[in-house]
């Protein structure tokens, strides 16, 4: 197994359902996005952090931090897949994760566990039958992903390749912070 692995982490959205921008909301002794990045960096060689809305704030927050590369999606309003494409274009590892910047409960153990299945083209964690993030993808998926229009979805990529849904015991793979209620329930 390749010891180097990139994580494409999305932090480009406007947080419309939240009513305020969620990426830099306080969480524990840091922010939501910093905790998400920190968890990924315990396993991943690099985090490719895709910015968009309020990009300068995220870029300044992570400026000079080792192993974090920020890339800007100027067309983030086209949706999440446009950001996935921007991040995937920067991947240099043979396998890579797609993760979300508003999921601070995805533990490093989840990333490690999913890597044990890295011989598969797509590995998706699931908790009580529901699929979540991060998603681990093989190098084979990348050129196909990059060939798609920004209006597609990650499901299009996963449908094209053999995938494996892996049961996990952590609900954090489903816990993204989309609403004020989600944030108030964050532990």
N, C-alpha and C. Protein backbone atom coordinates (compact mmCIF):
# COMPACT_ATOMS: atom_id res chain seq x y z
N UNK A 1 0.84 -1.18 0.00
CA UNK A 1 0.00 0.00 0.00
C UNK A 1 0.88 1.24 0.00
N UNK A 2 0.52 2.22 -0.82
CA UNK A 2 1.20 3.50 -0.88
C UNK A 2 1.02 4.23 0.45
N UNK A 3 2.12 4.64 1.07
CA UNK A 3 2.01 5.35 2.34
C UNK A 3 1.58 6.80 2.16
N UNK A 4 1.70 7.30 0.96
CA UNK A 4 1.27 8.67 0.70
C UNK A 4 -0.18 8.65 0.25
N UNK A 5 -0.96 9.50 0.85
CA UNK A 5 -2.36 9.60 0.43
C UNK A 5 -2.81 11.05 0.60
N UNK A 6 -3.51 11.52 -0.42
CA UNK A 6 -4.06 12.86 -0.37
C UNK A 6 -5.51 12.80 0.08
N UNK A 7 -5.95 13.88 0.68
CA UNK A 7 -7.35 14.04 1.04
C UNK A 7 -7.84 15.34 0.42
N UNK A 8 -8.83 15.23 -0.46
CA UNK A 8 -9.48 16.41 -1.01
C UNK A 8 -10.61 16.76 -0.04
N UNK A 9 -10.49 17.93 0.58
CA UNK A 9 -11.49 18.35 1.56
C UNK A 9 -12.20 19.60 1.05
N UNK A 10 -13.52 19.51 1.04
CA UNK A 10 -14.33 20.59 0.48
C UNK A 10 -14.72 21.61 1.55
N UNK A 11 -14.43 22.88 1.26
CA UNK A 11 -14.77 23.97 2.17
C UNK A 11 -15.18 25.20 1.36
N UNK A 12 -15.90 24.98 0.26
CA UNK A 12 -16.20 26.05 -0.68
C UNK A 12 -17.60 26.62 -0.58
N UNK A 13 -18.51 25.93 0.09
CA UNK A 13 -19.92 26.31 0.06
C UNK A 13 -20.27 27.56 0.86
N UNK A 14 -21.48 28.01 0.64
CA UNK A 14 -21.96 29.25 1.26
C UNK A 14 -22.65 29.04 2.60
N UNK A 15 -22.90 27.81 3.00
CA UNK A 15 -23.56 27.50 4.29
C UNK A 15 -24.97 28.07 4.36
N UNK A 16 -25.70 28.02 3.27
CA UNK A 16 -27.04 28.63 3.20
C UNK A 16 -28.01 28.09 4.26
N UNK A 17 -28.02 26.77 4.44
CA UNK A 17 -28.96 26.19 5.41
C UNK A 17 -28.60 26.54 6.84
N UNK A 18 -27.33 26.88 7.05
CA UNK A 18 -26.85 27.21 8.39
C UNK A 18 -27.26 28.62 8.80
N UNK A 19 -27.41 29.50 7.83
CA UNK A 19 -27.76 30.89 8.15
C UNK A 19 -26.55 31.73 8.47
N UNK A 20 -25.39 31.12 8.63
CA UNK A 20 -24.11 31.79 8.81
C UNK A 20 -23.03 30.87 8.29
N UNK A 21 -21.88 31.44 7.97
CA UNK A 21 -20.81 30.62 7.41
C UNK A 21 -20.26 29.71 8.49
N UNK A 22 -20.28 28.42 8.23
CA UNK A 22 -20.00 27.43 9.27
C UNK A 22 -18.54 27.03 9.41
N UNK A 23 -17.74 27.20 8.39
CA UNK A 23 -16.38 26.64 8.40
C UNK A 23 -15.55 27.14 9.57
N UNK A 24 -15.70 28.40 9.96
CA UNK A 24 -14.84 28.92 11.04
C UNK A 24 -15.60 29.09 12.35
N UNK A 25 -16.75 28.43 12.46
CA UNK A 25 -17.44 28.43 13.75
C UNK A 25 -16.59 27.69 14.78
N UNK A 26 -16.62 28.13 16.04
CA UNK A 26 -15.84 27.48 17.08
C UNK A 26 -16.26 26.02 17.28
N UNK A 27 -15.25 25.20 17.46
CA UNK A 27 -15.47 23.80 17.81
C UNK A 27 -14.30 23.36 18.68
N UNK A 28 -14.62 22.91 19.89
CA UNK A 28 -13.60 22.56 20.89
C UNK A 28 -12.64 23.75 21.01
N UNK A 29 -11.36 23.56 20.82
CA UNK A 29 -10.40 24.66 20.95
C UNK A 29 -9.96 25.21 19.60
N UNK A 30 -10.77 24.98 18.59
CA UNK A 30 -10.38 25.35 17.23
C UNK A 30 -11.63 25.74 16.45
N UNK A 31 -11.67 25.47 15.16
CA UNK A 31 -12.86 25.71 14.34
C UNK A 31 -13.29 24.39 13.70
N UNK A 32 -14.48 24.40 13.14
CA UNK A 32 -14.99 23.18 12.48
C UNK A 32 -14.03 22.70 11.40
N UNK A 33 -13.63 23.60 10.51
CA UNK A 33 -12.77 23.18 9.40
C UNK A 33 -11.37 22.79 9.88
N UNK A 34 -10.84 23.48 10.88
CA UNK A 34 -9.51 23.11 11.37
C UNK A 34 -9.52 21.73 12.02
N UNK A 35 -10.59 21.40 12.74
CA UNK A 35 -10.68 20.06 13.34
C UNK A 35 -10.79 18.99 12.26
N UNK A 36 -11.58 19.27 11.23
CA UNK A 36 -11.73 18.31 10.12
C UNK A 36 -10.39 18.07 9.44
N UNK A 37 -9.66 19.15 9.18
CA UNK A 37 -8.34 19.04 8.54
C UNK A 37 -7.36 18.30 9.45
N UNK A 38 -7.35 18.64 10.73
CA UNK A 38 -6.44 18.01 11.68
C UNK A 38 -6.66 16.49 11.74
N UNK A 39 -7.91 16.05 11.76
CA UNK A 39 -8.21 14.62 11.78
C UNK A 39 -7.67 13.93 10.54
N UNK A 40 -7.87 14.54 9.38
CA UNK A 40 -7.39 13.95 8.13
C UNK A 40 -5.87 13.89 8.09
N UNK A 41 -5.20 14.92 8.59
CA UNK A 41 -3.74 14.97 8.54
C UNK A 41 -3.06 13.92 9.42
N UNK A 42 -3.80 13.35 10.35
CA UNK A 42 -3.21 12.27 11.15
C UNK A 42 -2.95 11.02 10.31
N UNK A 43 -3.60 10.95 9.16
CA UNK A 43 -3.47 9.78 8.29
C UNK A 43 -2.96 10.17 6.90
N UNK A 44 -3.41 11.28 6.40
CA UNK A 44 -3.10 11.68 5.03
C UNK A 44 -1.80 12.47 4.97
N UNK A 45 -1.09 12.29 3.87
CA UNK A 45 0.14 13.04 3.63
C UNK A 45 -0.16 14.52 3.43
N UNK A 46 -1.23 14.80 2.68
CA UNK A 46 -1.63 16.19 2.41
C UNK A 46 -3.14 16.30 2.46
N UNK A 47 -3.60 17.49 2.80
CA UNK A 47 -5.00 17.84 2.63
C UNK A 47 -5.05 18.93 1.57
N UNK A 48 -5.79 18.65 0.52
CA UNK A 48 -6.04 19.62 -0.53
C UNK A 48 -7.38 20.26 -0.19
N UNK A 49 -7.32 21.46 0.34
CA UNK A 49 -8.50 22.14 0.86
C UNK A 49 -9.07 23.03 -0.24
N UNK A 50 -10.27 22.70 -0.69
CA UNK A 50 -10.90 23.43 -1.79
C UNK A 50 -11.74 24.56 -1.21
N UNK A 51 -11.39 25.78 -1.58
CA UNK A 51 -12.09 26.97 -1.11
C UNK A 51 -13.00 27.51 -2.21
N UNK A 52 -13.84 28.44 -1.84
CA UNK A 52 -14.75 29.07 -2.79
C UNK A 52 -15.34 30.31 -2.14
N UNK A 53 -16.51 30.13 -1.52
CA UNK A 53 -17.13 31.22 -0.78
C UNK A 53 -16.20 31.63 0.36
N UNK A 54 -15.95 32.92 0.48
CA UNK A 54 -15.05 33.45 1.52
C UNK A 54 -13.68 32.76 1.49
N UNK A 55 -13.22 32.52 0.27
CA UNK A 55 -11.97 31.78 0.06
C UNK A 55 -10.78 32.40 0.78
N UNK A 56 -10.68 33.72 0.73
CA UNK A 56 -9.52 34.39 1.32
C UNK A 56 -9.40 34.07 2.81
N UNK A 57 -10.52 34.01 3.53
CA UNK A 57 -10.47 33.71 4.96
C UNK A 57 -9.90 32.32 5.24
N UNK A 58 -10.33 31.34 4.47
CA UNK A 58 -9.82 29.97 4.64
C UNK A 58 -8.34 29.93 4.24
N UNK A 59 -8.02 30.56 3.13
CA UNK A 59 -6.64 30.55 2.66
C UNK A 59 -5.70 31.21 3.67
N UNK A 60 -6.15 32.30 4.27
CA UNK A 60 -5.33 32.97 5.30
C UNK A 60 -5.23 32.12 6.57
N UNK A 61 -6.33 31.46 6.94
CA UNK A 61 -6.33 30.62 8.13
C UNK A 61 -5.30 29.50 8.03
N UNK A 62 -5.14 28.95 6.83
CA UNK A 62 -4.24 27.81 6.64
C UNK A 62 -2.91 28.19 5.99
N UNK A 63 -2.67 29.46 5.75
CA UNK A 63 -1.42 29.91 5.12
C UNK A 63 -0.21 29.45 5.93
N UNK A 64 0.75 28.87 5.23
CA UNK A 64 1.99 28.46 5.86
C UNK A 64 1.90 27.18 6.67
N UNK A 65 0.75 26.56 6.70
CA UNK A 65 0.64 25.30 7.46
C UNK A 65 1.15 24.14 6.60
N UNK A 66 1.98 23.37 7.22
CA UNK A 66 2.61 22.24 6.55
C UNK A 66 1.57 21.21 6.10
N UNK A 67 1.73 20.71 4.87
CA UNK A 67 0.93 19.60 4.32
C UNK A 67 -0.51 20.00 3.98
N UNK A 68 -0.80 21.30 3.97
CA UNK A 68 -2.14 21.76 3.57
C UNK A 68 -1.98 22.64 2.33
N UNK A 69 -2.67 22.24 1.28
CA UNK A 69 -2.65 22.99 0.03
C UNK A 69 -4.06 23.53 -0.18
N UNK A 70 -4.18 24.84 -0.36
CA UNK A 70 -5.50 25.39 -0.66
C UNK A 70 -5.60 25.65 -2.16
N UNK A 71 -6.71 25.28 -2.72
CA UNK A 71 -7.00 25.55 -4.14
C UNK A 71 -8.39 26.17 -4.21
N UNK A 72 -8.53 27.15 -5.06
CA UNK A 72 -9.78 27.90 -5.11
C UNK A 72 -10.65 27.42 -6.27
N UNK A 73 -11.90 27.17 -5.96
CA UNK A 73 -12.91 26.86 -6.97
C UNK A 73 -13.72 28.14 -7.19
N UNK A 74 -13.39 28.85 -8.24
CA UNK A 74 -14.11 30.08 -8.54
C UNK A 74 -15.54 29.84 -9.02
N UNK A 75 -15.83 28.59 -9.34
CA UNK A 75 -17.17 28.24 -9.81
C UNK A 75 -17.89 27.36 -8.80
N UNK A 76 -17.64 27.60 -7.51
CA UNK A 76 -18.24 26.79 -6.45
C UNK A 76 -19.76 26.82 -6.47
N UNK A 77 -20.35 27.85 -7.05
CA UNK A 77 -21.81 27.93 -7.11
C UNK A 77 -22.41 26.85 -8.01
N UNK A 78 -21.57 26.18 -8.81
CA UNK A 78 -22.04 25.07 -9.64
C UNK A 78 -22.31 23.81 -8.82
N UNK A 79 -21.89 23.81 -7.55
CA UNK A 79 -22.19 22.68 -6.69
C UNK A 79 -20.95 21.93 -6.24
N UNK A 80 -21.18 20.98 -5.38
CA UNK A 80 -20.12 20.24 -4.71
C UNK A 80 -19.18 19.52 -5.69
N UNK A 81 -19.73 18.96 -6.75
CA UNK A 81 -18.88 18.20 -7.66
C UNK A 81 -17.88 19.09 -8.37
N UNK A 82 -18.22 20.35 -8.60
CA UNK A 82 -17.25 21.26 -9.21
C UNK A 82 -16.04 21.42 -8.28
N UNK A 83 -16.27 21.43 -6.98
CA UNK A 83 -15.16 21.52 -6.02
C UNK A 83 -14.37 20.22 -5.96
N UNK A 84 -15.05 19.09 -6.05
CA UNK A 84 -14.36 17.80 -6.08
C UNK A 84 -13.39 17.75 -7.26
N UNK A 85 -13.84 18.21 -8.41
CA UNK A 85 -13.00 18.20 -9.61
C UNK A 85 -11.77 19.08 -9.43
N UNK A 86 -11.96 20.28 -8.86
CA UNK A 86 -10.83 21.19 -8.63
C UNK A 86 -9.80 20.53 -7.70
N UNK A 87 -10.27 19.91 -6.63
CA UNK A 87 -9.36 19.25 -5.71
C UNK A 87 -8.70 18.03 -6.31
N UNK A 88 -9.46 17.21 -7.02
CA UNK A 88 -8.91 15.99 -7.62
C UNK A 88 -7.83 16.30 -8.65
N UNK A 89 -7.91 17.44 -9.27
CA UNK A 89 -6.88 17.83 -10.24
C UNK A 89 -5.51 18.02 -9.58
N UNK A 90 -5.50 18.22 -8.27
CA UNK A 90 -4.25 18.43 -7.52
C UNK A 90 -3.71 17.15 -6.86
N UNK A 91 -4.44 16.07 -6.94
CA UNK A 91 -4.05 14.82 -6.28
C UNK A 91 -2.80 14.24 -6.94
N UNK A 92 -1.86 13.81 -6.10
CA UNK A 92 -0.64 13.17 -6.61
C UNK A 92 -0.47 11.75 -6.07
N UNK A 93 -1.35 11.32 -5.18
CA UNK A 93 -1.23 9.98 -4.60
C UNK A 93 -2.03 8.97 -5.41
N UNK A 94 -1.75 7.69 -5.19
CA UNK A 94 -2.44 6.66 -5.97
C UNK A 94 -3.88 6.46 -5.53
N UNK A 95 -4.17 6.67 -4.29
CA UNK A 95 -5.55 6.68 -3.79
C UNK A 95 -5.76 8.02 -3.12
N UNK A 96 -7.01 8.41 -2.97
CA UNK A 96 -7.28 9.70 -2.35
C UNK A 96 -8.67 9.69 -1.71
N UNK A 97 -8.79 10.48 -0.67
CA UNK A 97 -10.07 10.65 0.01
C UNK A 97 -10.80 11.87 -0.52
N UNK A 98 -12.11 11.80 -0.51
CA UNK A 98 -12.98 12.97 -0.67
C UNK A 98 -13.66 13.13 0.68
N UNK A 99 -13.47 14.29 1.28
CA UNK A 99 -14.03 14.55 2.60
C UNK A 99 -14.62 15.94 2.64
N UNK A 100 -15.34 16.24 3.71
CA UNK A 100 -16.03 17.52 3.83
C UNK A 100 -15.49 18.30 5.02
N UNK A 101 -15.28 19.58 4.82
CA UNK A 101 -14.72 20.44 5.84
C UNK A 101 -15.64 20.67 7.02
N UNK A 102 -16.91 20.32 6.87
CA UNK A 102 -17.87 20.52 7.97
C UNK A 102 -18.20 19.21 8.69
N UNK A 103 -17.23 18.29 8.68
CA UNK A 103 -17.42 17.00 9.36
C UNK A 103 -16.30 16.75 10.37
N UNK A 104 -16.28 17.52 11.47
CA UNK A 104 -15.18 17.39 12.42
C UNK A 104 -15.20 16.12 13.26
N UNK A 105 -16.26 15.31 13.15
CA UNK A 105 -16.33 14.07 13.93
C UNK A 105 -15.80 12.85 13.18
N UNK A 106 -15.33 13.04 11.94
CA UNK A 106 -14.71 11.92 11.22
C UNK A 106 -13.33 11.72 11.83
N UNK A 107 -13.16 10.63 12.53
CA UNK A 107 -11.93 10.40 13.29
C UNK A 107 -10.80 9.89 12.39
N UNK A 108 -9.58 10.07 12.84
CA UNK A 108 -8.45 9.48 12.10
C UNK A 108 -8.59 7.97 11.95
N UNK A 109 -9.20 7.32 12.93
CA UNK A 109 -9.38 5.86 12.84
C UNK A 109 -10.24 5.46 11.63
N UNK A 110 -11.22 6.27 11.29
CA UNK A 110 -12.04 5.99 10.11
C UNK A 110 -11.18 6.04 8.85
N UNK A 111 -10.36 7.08 8.73
CA UNK A 111 -9.47 7.17 7.57
C UNK A 111 -8.55 5.93 7.51
N UNK A 112 -7.97 5.57 8.64
CA UNK A 112 -7.07 4.41 8.68
C UNK A 112 -7.80 3.13 8.28
N UNK A 113 -8.99 2.96 8.83
CA UNK A 113 -9.75 1.74 8.54
C UNK A 113 -10.10 1.64 7.05
N UNK A 114 -10.55 2.73 6.47
CA UNK A 114 -10.90 2.70 5.05
C UNK A 114 -9.69 2.39 4.18
N UNK A 115 -8.52 2.84 4.59
CA UNK A 115 -7.30 2.56 3.82
C UNK A 115 -7.00 1.07 3.73
N UNK A 116 -7.47 0.29 4.68
CA UNK A 116 -7.22 -1.15 4.62
C UNK A 116 -7.94 -1.81 3.44
N UNK A 117 -8.86 -1.07 2.83
CA UNK A 117 -9.60 -1.57 1.67
C UNK A 117 -9.17 -0.88 0.38
N UNK A 118 -7.98 -0.30 0.37
CA UNK A 118 -7.55 0.56 -0.74
C UNK A 118 -7.35 -0.16 -2.07
N UNK A 119 -7.43 -1.47 -2.09
CA UNK A 119 -7.34 -2.19 -3.36
C UNK A 119 -8.61 -2.01 -4.19
N UNK A 120 -9.66 -1.50 -3.59
CA UNK A 120 -10.93 -1.26 -4.28
C UNK A 120 -10.92 0.12 -4.92
N UNK A 121 -11.73 0.28 -5.97
CA UNK A 121 -11.80 1.58 -6.66
C UNK A 121 -12.55 2.63 -5.86
N UNK A 122 -13.55 2.24 -5.13
CA UNK A 122 -14.32 3.19 -4.32
C UNK A 122 -14.71 2.50 -3.02
N UNK A 123 -14.37 3.13 -1.91
CA UNK A 123 -14.69 2.60 -0.58
C UNK A 123 -15.49 3.65 0.16
N UNK A 124 -16.68 3.27 0.58
CA UNK A 124 -17.61 4.20 1.21
C UNK A 124 -17.97 3.67 2.60
N UNK A 125 -17.77 4.49 3.63
CA UNK A 125 -18.18 4.02 4.96
C UNK A 125 -19.69 4.09 5.11
N UNK A 126 -20.24 3.18 5.88
CA UNK A 126 -21.67 3.26 6.17
C UNK A 126 -21.92 2.96 7.64
N UNK A 127 -22.86 3.68 8.20
CA UNK A 127 -23.23 3.53 9.60
C UNK A 127 -24.72 3.24 9.64
N UNK A 128 -25.09 2.07 10.17
CA UNK A 128 -26.49 1.62 10.24
C UNK A 128 -27.17 1.74 8.88
N UNK A 129 -26.45 1.31 7.83
CA UNK A 129 -27.02 1.27 6.48
C UNK A 129 -26.96 2.57 5.70
N UNK A 130 -26.52 3.67 6.33
CA UNK A 130 -26.44 4.97 5.63
C UNK A 130 -25.00 5.25 5.26
N UNK A 131 -24.80 5.62 4.00
CA UNK A 131 -23.45 5.92 3.51
C UNK A 131 -23.04 7.33 3.90
N UNK A 132 -21.74 7.49 4.15
CA UNK A 132 -21.22 8.79 4.57
C UNK A 132 -19.88 9.11 3.95
N UNK A 133 -19.10 9.93 4.66
CA UNK A 133 -17.79 10.39 4.23
C UNK A 133 -16.77 10.12 5.34
N UNK A 134 -15.53 9.99 4.97
CA UNK A 134 -14.91 10.24 3.67
C UNK A 134 -15.08 9.05 2.73
N UNK A 135 -14.94 9.33 1.45
CA UNK A 135 -14.97 8.29 0.42
C UNK A 135 -13.53 8.13 -0.07
N UNK A 136 -13.09 6.90 -0.15
CA UNK A 136 -11.74 6.60 -0.65
C UNK A 136 -11.86 6.16 -2.10
N UNK A 137 -11.10 6.81 -2.97
CA UNK A 137 -11.13 6.49 -4.40
C UNK A 137 -9.75 6.10 -4.89
N UNK A 138 -9.72 5.24 -5.90
CA UNK A 138 -8.45 4.80 -6.49
C UNK A 138 -8.01 5.76 -7.58
N UNK A 139 -6.75 5.60 -7.95
CA UNK A 139 -6.20 6.41 -9.04
C UNK A 139 -7.00 6.22 -10.33
N UNK A 140 -7.52 5.02 -10.56
CA UNK A 140 -8.31 4.75 -11.78
C UNK A 140 -9.52 5.67 -11.89
N UNK A 141 -10.07 6.09 -10.78
CA UNK A 141 -11.28 6.91 -10.82
C UNK A 141 -10.99 8.36 -11.23
N UNK A 142 -9.76 8.79 -11.01
CA UNK A 142 -9.45 10.21 -11.13
C UNK A 142 -9.62 10.76 -12.55
N UNK A 143 -9.10 10.09 -13.55
CA UNK A 143 -9.24 10.62 -14.92
C UNK A 143 -10.70 10.64 -15.34
N UNK A 144 -11.46 9.63 -14.94
CA UNK A 144 -12.89 9.62 -15.25
C UNK A 144 -13.59 10.79 -14.55
N UNK A 145 -13.29 10.97 -13.28
CA UNK A 145 -13.88 12.06 -12.51
C UNK A 145 -13.58 13.40 -13.18
N UNK A 146 -12.34 13.60 -13.58
CA UNK A 146 -11.94 14.86 -14.19
C UNK A 146 -12.55 15.07 -15.57
N UNK A 147 -12.99 14.00 -16.22
CA UNK A 147 -13.59 14.13 -17.55
C UNK A 147 -15.06 14.53 -17.51
N UNK A 148 -15.66 14.44 -16.32
CA UNK A 148 -17.08 14.73 -16.18
C UNK A 148 -17.34 16.23 -16.08
N UNK A 149 -18.56 16.62 -16.38
CA UNK A 149 -18.95 18.03 -16.24
C UNK A 149 -19.13 18.36 -14.77
N UNK A 150 -18.96 19.63 -14.40
CA UNK A 150 -19.13 20.04 -13.00
C UNK A 150 -20.55 19.81 -12.48
N UNK A 151 -21.49 19.57 -13.37
CA UNK A 151 -22.88 19.36 -12.96
C UNK A 151 -23.17 17.92 -12.55
N UNK A 152 -22.20 17.03 -12.71
CA UNK A 152 -22.37 15.64 -12.29
C UNK A 152 -22.27 15.54 -10.77
N UNK A 153 -22.26 14.31 -10.27
CA UNK A 153 -22.12 14.11 -8.83
C UNK A 153 -21.09 13.00 -8.58
N UNK A 154 -20.67 12.89 -7.35
CA UNK A 154 -19.75 11.82 -6.97
C UNK A 154 -20.40 10.45 -7.20
N UNK A 155 -21.71 10.40 -7.10
CA UNK A 155 -22.42 9.13 -7.36
C UNK A 155 -22.17 8.62 -8.78
N UNK A 156 -22.03 9.53 -9.73
CA UNK A 156 -21.73 9.15 -11.11
C UNK A 156 -20.41 8.40 -11.18
N UNK A 157 -19.42 8.88 -10.46
CA UNK A 157 -18.10 8.24 -10.44
C UNK A 157 -18.20 6.88 -9.77
N UNK A 158 -18.83 6.84 -8.62
CA UNK A 158 -18.93 5.58 -7.87
C UNK A 158 -19.69 4.52 -8.66
N UNK A 159 -20.70 4.94 -9.42
CA UNK A 159 -21.48 3.99 -10.22
C UNK A 159 -20.67 3.38 -11.36
N UNK A 160 -19.64 4.06 -11.78
CA UNK A 160 -18.83 3.62 -12.92
C UNK A 160 -17.78 2.58 -12.53
N UNK A 161 -17.48 2.48 -11.26
CA UNK A 161 -16.40 1.61 -10.79
C UNK A 161 -16.92 0.66 -9.72
N UNK A 162 -16.25 -0.49 -9.57
CA UNK A 162 -16.63 -1.38 -8.48
C UNK A 162 -16.43 -0.65 -7.15
N UNK A 163 -17.42 -0.74 -6.29
CA UNK A 163 -17.31 -0.05 -5.00
C UNK A 163 -17.60 -1.01 -3.86
N UNK A 164 -17.14 -0.61 -2.69
CA UNK A 164 -17.33 -1.41 -1.50
C UNK A 164 -17.86 -0.49 -0.41
N UNK A 165 -19.02 -0.83 0.13
CA UNK A 165 -19.56 -0.09 1.28
C UNK A 165 -19.13 -0.84 2.53
N UNK A 166 -18.43 -0.14 3.41
CA UNK A 166 -17.82 -0.76 4.58
C UNK A 166 -18.54 -0.30 5.85
N UNK A 167 -19.14 -1.22 6.60
CA UNK A 167 -19.78 -0.83 7.86
C UNK A 167 -18.74 -0.31 8.86
N UNK A 168 -19.08 0.79 9.51
CA UNK A 168 -18.23 1.35 10.56
C UNK A 168 -19.08 1.59 11.80
N UNK A 169 -18.42 1.81 12.92
CA UNK A 169 -19.13 1.97 14.18
C UNK A 169 -19.21 3.43 14.63
N UNK A 170 -18.76 4.34 13.78
CA UNK A 170 -18.75 5.75 14.16
C UNK A 170 -19.80 6.54 13.38
N UNK A 171 -20.73 7.13 14.10
CA UNK A 171 -21.78 7.94 13.49
C UNK A 171 -21.22 9.22 12.86
N UNK A 172 -20.01 9.60 13.23
CA UNK A 172 -19.38 10.81 12.71
C UNK A 172 -19.29 10.86 11.20
N UNK A 173 -19.34 9.70 10.53
CA UNK A 173 -19.27 9.68 9.06
C UNK A 173 -20.53 10.27 8.43
N UNK A 174 -21.58 10.45 9.24
CA UNK A 174 -22.84 11.02 8.77
C UNK A 174 -23.07 12.43 9.27
N UNK A 175 -22.22 12.90 10.17
CA UNK A 175 -22.48 14.14 10.88
C UNK A 175 -21.81 15.33 10.22
N UNK A 176 -22.52 15.94 9.28
CA UNK A 176 -22.04 17.21 8.75
C UNK A 176 -22.88 18.32 9.35
N UNK A 177 -22.32 19.49 9.41
CA UNK A 177 -22.95 20.61 10.10
C UNK A 177 -23.63 21.49 9.05
N UNK A 178 -24.92 21.25 8.82
CA UNK A 178 -25.66 21.99 7.81
C UNK A 178 -26.63 23.01 8.37
N UNK A 179 -27.08 22.80 9.60
CA UNK A 179 -28.12 23.67 10.18
C UNK A 179 -27.70 24.11 11.58
N UNK A 180 -28.35 25.15 12.12
CA UNK A 180 -28.06 25.54 13.50
C UNK A 180 -28.30 24.39 14.49
N UNK A 181 -29.30 23.57 14.21
CA UNK A 181 -29.56 22.41 15.08
C UNK A 181 -28.39 21.42 15.04
N UNK A 182 -27.85 21.17 13.84
CA UNK A 182 -26.68 20.29 13.73
C UNK A 182 -25.52 20.83 14.57
N UNK A 183 -25.31 22.14 14.50
CA UNK A 183 -24.21 22.75 15.25
C UNK A 183 -24.43 22.67 16.75
N UNK A 184 -25.65 22.90 17.18
CA UNK A 184 -25.93 22.84 18.63
C UNK A 184 -25.83 21.42 19.17
N UNK A 185 -26.03 20.41 18.30
CA UNK A 185 -25.91 19.01 18.71
C UNK A 185 -24.50 18.46 18.60
N UNK A 186 -23.57 19.25 18.06
CA UNK A 186 -22.21 18.82 17.88
C UNK A 186 -21.54 18.60 19.23
N UNK A 187 -20.95 17.44 19.41
CA UNK A 187 -20.29 17.17 20.69
C UNK A 187 -18.81 16.99 20.52
